[in-house]
Amino acid sequence: AQYHFFSDTMVSPYVGVGLNYTMFFDESGGPVVDSLSIDDAIGPAFQLGFDLQFPDSNFVFNADAKYIMISPDATAHAGGVKIDSRNFDLNPWVFGFGFGYKF
């Protein structure tokens, strides 16, 4: 969900909140660990951004930043034996830029 503060102006800042689902794939081992598996994770996402309307046009430039809070579980195996399993916080910032068209 997003709330645009000034949707009819040239610059329209907004805030948003939502739910994020992250899938991990292509995990691999290393010199000590034969295999590593990371479970998919779900968590809240918070967003700040703005739309910049091009003059005399329906085109907009968009920029935003999202803070995503996820805590996946990871399990490591070596020699066919589970050597460690733990939950860790992975809370990335994600930045985006784009162009759009308002109908």
N, C-alpha and C. Protein backbone atom coordinates (compact mmCIF):
# COMPACT_ATOMS: atom_id res chain seq x y z
N ALA A 1 0.85 -1.17 0.00
CA ALA A 1 0.00 0.00 0.00
C ALA A 1 0.89 1.23 0.00
N GLN A 2 0.49 2.21 -0.76
CA GLN A 2 1.23 3.47 -0.83
C GLN A 2 0.28 4.63 -0.57
N TYR A 3 0.81 5.68 0.07
CA TYR A 3 0.06 6.92 0.22
C TYR A 3 0.86 8.03 -0.44
N HIS A 4 0.28 8.65 -1.48
CA HIS A 4 0.91 9.77 -2.19
C HIS A 4 0.39 11.06 -1.57
N PHE A 5 1.32 11.91 -1.10
CA PHE A 5 0.93 13.12 -0.40
C PHE A 5 0.34 14.18 -1.32
N PHE A 6 0.92 14.40 -2.49
CA PHE A 6 0.47 15.44 -3.41
C PHE A 6 0.37 14.82 -4.80
N SER A 7 -0.64 14.01 -5.04
CA SER A 7 -0.70 13.24 -6.28
C SER A 7 -0.96 14.09 -7.52
N ASP A 8 -1.45 15.32 -7.36
CA ASP A 8 -1.73 16.17 -8.52
C ASP A 8 -0.67 17.24 -8.76
N THR A 9 0.49 17.11 -8.14
CA THR A 9 1.54 18.09 -8.32
C THR A 9 2.69 17.50 -9.12
N MET A 10 3.64 18.35 -9.50
CA MET A 10 4.77 17.89 -10.31
C MET A 10 5.63 16.88 -9.54
N VAL A 11 5.82 17.10 -8.25
CA VAL A 11 6.58 16.17 -7.41
C VAL A 11 5.60 15.58 -6.38
N SER A 12 5.49 14.27 -6.38
CA SER A 12 4.55 13.58 -5.50
C SER A 12 5.30 12.57 -4.62
N PRO A 13 5.67 12.98 -3.39
CA PRO A 13 6.33 12.03 -2.49
C PRO A 13 5.32 11.02 -1.94
N TYR A 14 5.81 9.86 -1.56
CA TYR A 14 4.92 8.86 -1.00
C TYR A 14 5.64 7.98 0.01
N VAL A 15 4.84 7.31 0.84
CA VAL A 15 5.32 6.30 1.78
C VAL A 15 4.53 5.04 1.49
N GLY A 16 5.12 3.91 1.82
CA GLY A 16 4.43 2.65 1.59
C GLY A 16 4.83 1.60 2.60
N VAL A 17 3.98 0.61 2.72
CA VAL A 17 4.25 -0.53 3.58
C VAL A 17 3.66 -1.76 2.88
N GLY A 18 4.35 -2.87 3.01
CA GLY A 18 3.86 -4.08 2.35
C GLY A 18 4.51 -5.32 2.92
N LEU A 19 4.32 -6.40 2.23
CA LEU A 19 4.85 -7.69 2.63
C LEU A 19 5.82 -8.18 1.55
N ASN A 20 6.96 -8.70 1.96
CA ASN A 20 7.98 -9.18 1.03
C ASN A 20 8.15 -10.69 1.20
N TYR A 21 8.29 -11.39 0.08
CA TYR A 21 8.60 -12.81 0.08
C TYR A 21 9.88 -12.99 -0.71
N THR A 22 10.91 -13.55 -0.08
CA THR A 22 12.20 -13.74 -0.73
C THR A 22 12.50 -15.22 -0.89
N MET A 23 12.84 -15.62 -2.11
CA MET A 23 13.23 -17.00 -2.42
C MET A 23 14.73 -17.04 -2.64
N PHE A 24 15.39 -18.01 -2.03
CA PHE A 24 16.82 -18.20 -2.21
C PHE A 24 17.03 -19.43 -3.09
N PHE A 25 17.98 -19.35 -4.00
CA PHE A 25 18.26 -20.48 -4.88
C PHE A 25 19.73 -20.45 -5.28
N ASP A 26 20.20 -21.55 -5.84
CA ASP A 26 21.59 -21.70 -6.25
C ASP A 26 22.57 -21.55 -5.10
N GLU A 27 22.14 -22.00 -3.88
CA GLU A 27 23.08 -22.00 -2.77
C GLU A 27 24.14 -23.05 -3.06
N SER A 28 25.34 -22.82 -2.61
CA SER A 28 26.41 -23.81 -2.83
C SER A 28 27.33 -23.83 -1.62
N GLY A 29 28.14 -24.85 -1.55
CA GLY A 29 29.10 -24.99 -0.47
C GLY A 29 30.38 -24.27 -0.78
N GLY A 30 31.38 -24.59 -0.02
CA GLY A 30 32.69 -23.97 -0.20
C GLY A 30 33.77 -24.95 0.21
N PRO A 31 34.91 -24.45 0.62
CA PRO A 31 36.02 -25.35 0.98
C PRO A 31 35.74 -26.19 2.23
N VAL A 32 34.88 -25.72 3.13
CA VAL A 32 34.60 -26.45 4.37
C VAL A 32 33.21 -27.09 4.33
N VAL A 33 32.26 -26.41 3.72
CA VAL A 33 30.86 -26.84 3.71
C VAL A 33 30.53 -27.48 2.37
N ASP A 34 29.95 -28.70 2.41
CA ASP A 34 29.53 -29.37 1.17
C ASP A 34 28.29 -28.72 0.57
N SER A 35 27.33 -28.39 1.43
CA SER A 35 26.09 -27.79 0.94
C SER A 35 25.56 -26.79 1.95
N LEU A 36 24.86 -25.82 1.43
CA LEU A 36 24.23 -24.78 2.23
C LEU A 36 22.83 -24.59 1.71
N SER A 37 21.85 -24.63 2.59
CA SER A 37 20.48 -24.35 2.16
C SER A 37 19.92 -23.21 3.00
N ILE A 38 19.25 -22.29 2.32
CA ILE A 38 18.64 -21.14 2.99
C ILE A 38 17.15 -21.19 2.68
N ASP A 39 16.33 -21.19 3.73
CA ASP A 39 14.88 -21.24 3.56
C ASP A 39 14.35 -19.92 3.03
N ASP A 40 13.25 -20.00 2.28
CA ASP A 40 12.56 -18.78 1.85
C ASP A 40 12.10 -18.02 3.09
N ALA A 41 11.91 -16.71 2.94
CA ALA A 41 11.54 -15.88 4.08
C ALA A 41 10.48 -14.86 3.69
N ILE A 42 9.69 -14.48 4.67
CA ILE A 42 8.66 -13.48 4.47
C ILE A 42 8.79 -12.45 5.59
N GLY A 43 8.54 -11.17 5.26
CA GLY A 43 8.64 -10.12 6.27
C GLY A 43 8.12 -8.80 5.75
N PRO A 44 8.03 -7.81 6.62
CA PRO A 44 7.52 -6.51 6.21
C PRO A 44 8.52 -5.73 5.35
N ALA A 45 7.98 -4.84 4.53
CA ALA A 45 8.79 -3.95 3.71
C ALA A 45 8.24 -2.53 3.85
N PHE A 46 9.14 -1.57 4.03
CA PHE A 46 8.76 -0.17 4.17
C PHE A 46 9.37 0.62 3.02
N GLN A 47 8.65 1.61 2.52
CA GLN A 47 9.06 2.29 1.30
C GLN A 47 8.91 3.80 1.42
N LEU A 48 9.88 4.53 0.87
CA LEU A 48 9.84 5.98 0.69
C LEU A 48 10.19 6.26 -0.76
N GLY A 49 9.46 7.16 -1.39
CA GLY A 49 9.78 7.46 -2.78
C GLY A 49 9.09 8.72 -3.26
N PHE A 50 9.28 8.99 -4.54
CA PHE A 50 8.60 10.14 -5.16
C PHE A 50 8.42 9.88 -6.64
N ASP A 51 7.37 10.49 -7.18
CA ASP A 51 7.14 10.53 -8.62
C ASP A 51 7.39 11.96 -9.08
N LEU A 52 8.08 12.11 -10.19
CA LEU A 52 8.36 13.42 -10.77
C LEU A 52 7.68 13.47 -12.13
N GLN A 53 6.65 14.30 -12.23
CA GLN A 53 5.86 14.44 -13.47
C GLN A 53 6.63 15.30 -14.47
N PHE A 54 6.79 14.81 -15.71
CA PHE A 54 7.40 15.62 -16.76
C PHE A 54 6.40 16.69 -17.20
N PRO A 55 6.86 17.94 -17.43
CA PRO A 55 5.94 19.02 -17.81
C PRO A 55 5.18 18.69 -19.10
N ASP A 56 3.89 19.02 -19.10
CA ASP A 56 3.03 18.85 -20.28
C ASP A 56 3.07 17.42 -20.82
N SER A 57 3.09 16.43 -19.93
CA SER A 57 3.21 15.05 -20.34
C SER A 57 2.57 14.15 -19.29
N ASN A 58 2.25 12.94 -19.68
CA ASN A 58 1.75 11.95 -18.73
C ASN A 58 2.88 11.03 -18.23
N PHE A 59 4.11 11.30 -18.66
CA PHE A 59 5.24 10.49 -18.24
C PHE A 59 5.77 10.96 -16.88
N VAL A 60 6.24 9.99 -16.08
CA VAL A 60 6.79 10.30 -14.77
C VAL A 60 8.11 9.55 -14.57
N PHE A 61 8.98 10.17 -13.80
CA PHE A 61 10.18 9.51 -13.31
C PHE A 61 9.90 9.12 -11.86
N ASN A 62 10.35 7.93 -11.46
CA ASN A 62 10.09 7.44 -10.12
C ASN A 62 11.40 7.00 -9.47
N ALA A 63 11.53 7.30 -8.19
CA ALA A 63 12.68 6.81 -7.40
C ALA A 63 12.15 6.40 -6.03
N ASP A 64 12.68 5.30 -5.51
CA ASP A 64 12.24 4.87 -4.19
C ASP A 64 13.34 4.09 -3.47
N ALA A 65 13.15 3.96 -2.17
CA ALA A 65 14.03 3.16 -1.32
C ALA A 65 13.13 2.29 -0.45
N LYS A 66 13.48 1.01 -0.37
CA LYS A 66 12.71 0.07 0.44
C LYS A 66 13.64 -0.55 1.48
N TYR A 67 13.12 -0.72 2.69
CA TYR A 67 13.82 -1.43 3.75
C TYR A 67 13.04 -2.71 3.99
N ILE A 68 13.67 -3.86 3.78
CA ILE A 68 13.00 -5.15 3.85
C ILE A 68 13.56 -5.91 5.06
N MET A 69 12.66 -6.43 5.89
CA MET A 69 13.06 -7.14 7.11
C MET A 69 12.73 -8.63 6.95
N ILE A 70 13.77 -9.44 6.77
CA ILE A 70 13.56 -10.89 6.68
C ILE A 70 14.58 -11.60 7.57
N SER A 71 14.20 -12.78 8.05
CA SER A 71 15.06 -13.60 8.93
C SER A 71 15.00 -15.05 8.48
N PRO A 72 15.73 -15.41 7.43
CA PRO A 72 15.70 -16.80 6.96
C PRO A 72 16.52 -17.74 7.85
N ASP A 73 16.21 -19.03 7.75
CA ASP A 73 16.99 -20.07 8.40
C ASP A 73 17.98 -20.63 7.40
N ALA A 74 19.20 -20.90 7.85
CA ALA A 74 20.24 -21.48 6.99
C ALA A 74 20.78 -22.75 7.66
N THR A 75 21.04 -23.77 6.84
CA THR A 75 21.59 -25.03 7.32
C THR A 75 22.79 -25.41 6.47
N ALA A 76 23.90 -25.79 7.15
CA ALA A 76 25.13 -26.18 6.47
C ALA A 76 25.42 -27.65 6.75
N HIS A 77 25.87 -28.36 5.69
CA HIS A 77 26.25 -29.77 5.81
C HIS A 77 27.70 -29.95 5.34
N ALA A 78 28.41 -30.84 6.02
CA ALA A 78 29.78 -31.22 5.61
C ALA A 78 29.92 -32.72 5.82
N GLY A 79 30.34 -33.41 4.79
CA GLY A 79 30.49 -34.86 4.88
C GLY A 79 29.18 -35.57 5.13
N GLY A 80 28.08 -34.99 4.63
CA GLY A 80 26.76 -35.58 4.82
C GLY A 80 26.17 -35.37 6.20
N VAL A 81 26.83 -34.60 7.05
CA VAL A 81 26.37 -34.36 8.42
C VAL A 81 26.04 -32.88 8.59
N LYS A 82 24.89 -32.60 9.22
CA LYS A 82 24.54 -31.22 9.50
C LYS A 82 25.51 -30.66 10.54
N ILE A 83 26.21 -29.59 10.16
CA ILE A 83 27.18 -29.02 11.09
C ILE A 83 26.68 -27.75 11.77
N ASP A 84 25.69 -27.08 11.16
CA ASP A 84 25.16 -25.87 11.79
C ASP A 84 23.83 -25.52 11.16
N SER A 85 22.95 -24.98 11.98
CA SER A 85 21.66 -24.48 11.51
C SER A 85 21.32 -23.28 12.38
N ARG A 86 21.04 -22.16 11.72
CA ARG A 86 20.72 -20.96 12.50
C ARG A 86 19.85 -20.00 11.71
N ASN A 87 19.23 -19.11 12.45
CA ASN A 87 18.41 -18.05 11.89
C ASN A 87 19.26 -16.78 11.88
N PHE A 88 19.17 -16.02 10.80
CA PHE A 88 19.94 -14.78 10.76
C PHE A 88 19.09 -13.65 10.18
N ASP A 89 19.38 -12.44 10.61
CA ASP A 89 18.67 -11.25 10.12
C ASP A 89 19.35 -10.77 8.85
N LEU A 90 18.55 -10.62 7.82
CA LEU A 90 19.02 -10.11 6.54
C LEU A 90 18.06 -8.97 6.18
N ASN A 91 18.47 -7.75 6.46
CA ASN A 91 17.58 -6.61 6.32
C ASN A 91 18.13 -5.61 5.29
N PRO A 92 17.96 -5.91 4.00
CA PRO A 92 18.58 -5.06 2.98
C PRO A 92 17.79 -3.78 2.70
N TRP A 93 18.51 -2.79 2.21
CA TRP A 93 17.92 -1.62 1.58
C TRP A 93 17.91 -1.90 0.08
N VAL A 94 16.80 -1.62 -0.57
CA VAL A 94 16.67 -1.81 -2.02
C VAL A 94 16.30 -0.47 -2.63
N PHE A 95 17.06 -0.03 -3.65
CA PHE A 95 16.83 1.26 -4.29
C PHE A 95 16.35 1.03 -5.71
N GLY A 96 15.36 1.79 -6.13
CA GLY A 96 14.82 1.62 -7.47
C GLY A 96 14.60 2.94 -8.18
N PHE A 97 14.70 2.88 -9.51
CA PHE A 97 14.44 4.03 -10.38
C PHE A 97 13.63 3.52 -11.55
N GLY A 98 12.75 4.35 -12.06
CA GLY A 98 11.97 3.90 -13.20
C GLY A 98 11.24 5.05 -13.88
N PHE A 99 10.63 4.71 -15.00
CA PHE A 99 9.81 5.64 -15.74
C PHE A 99 8.42 5.04 -15.88
N GLY A 100 7.41 5.89 -15.86
CA GLY A 100 6.04 5.40 -15.96
C GLY A 100 5.19 6.32 -16.80
N TYR A 101 3.96 5.90 -16.98
CA TYR A 101 2.98 6.68 -17.74
C TYR A 101 1.68 6.66 -16.98
N LYS A 102 1.11 7.84 -16.72
CA LYS A 102 -0.16 7.95 -16.02
C LYS A 102 -1.30 8.01 -17.02
N PHE A 103 -2.27 7.14 -16.85
CA PHE A 103 -3.43 7.14 -17.74
C PHE A 103 -4.52 8.04 -17.22
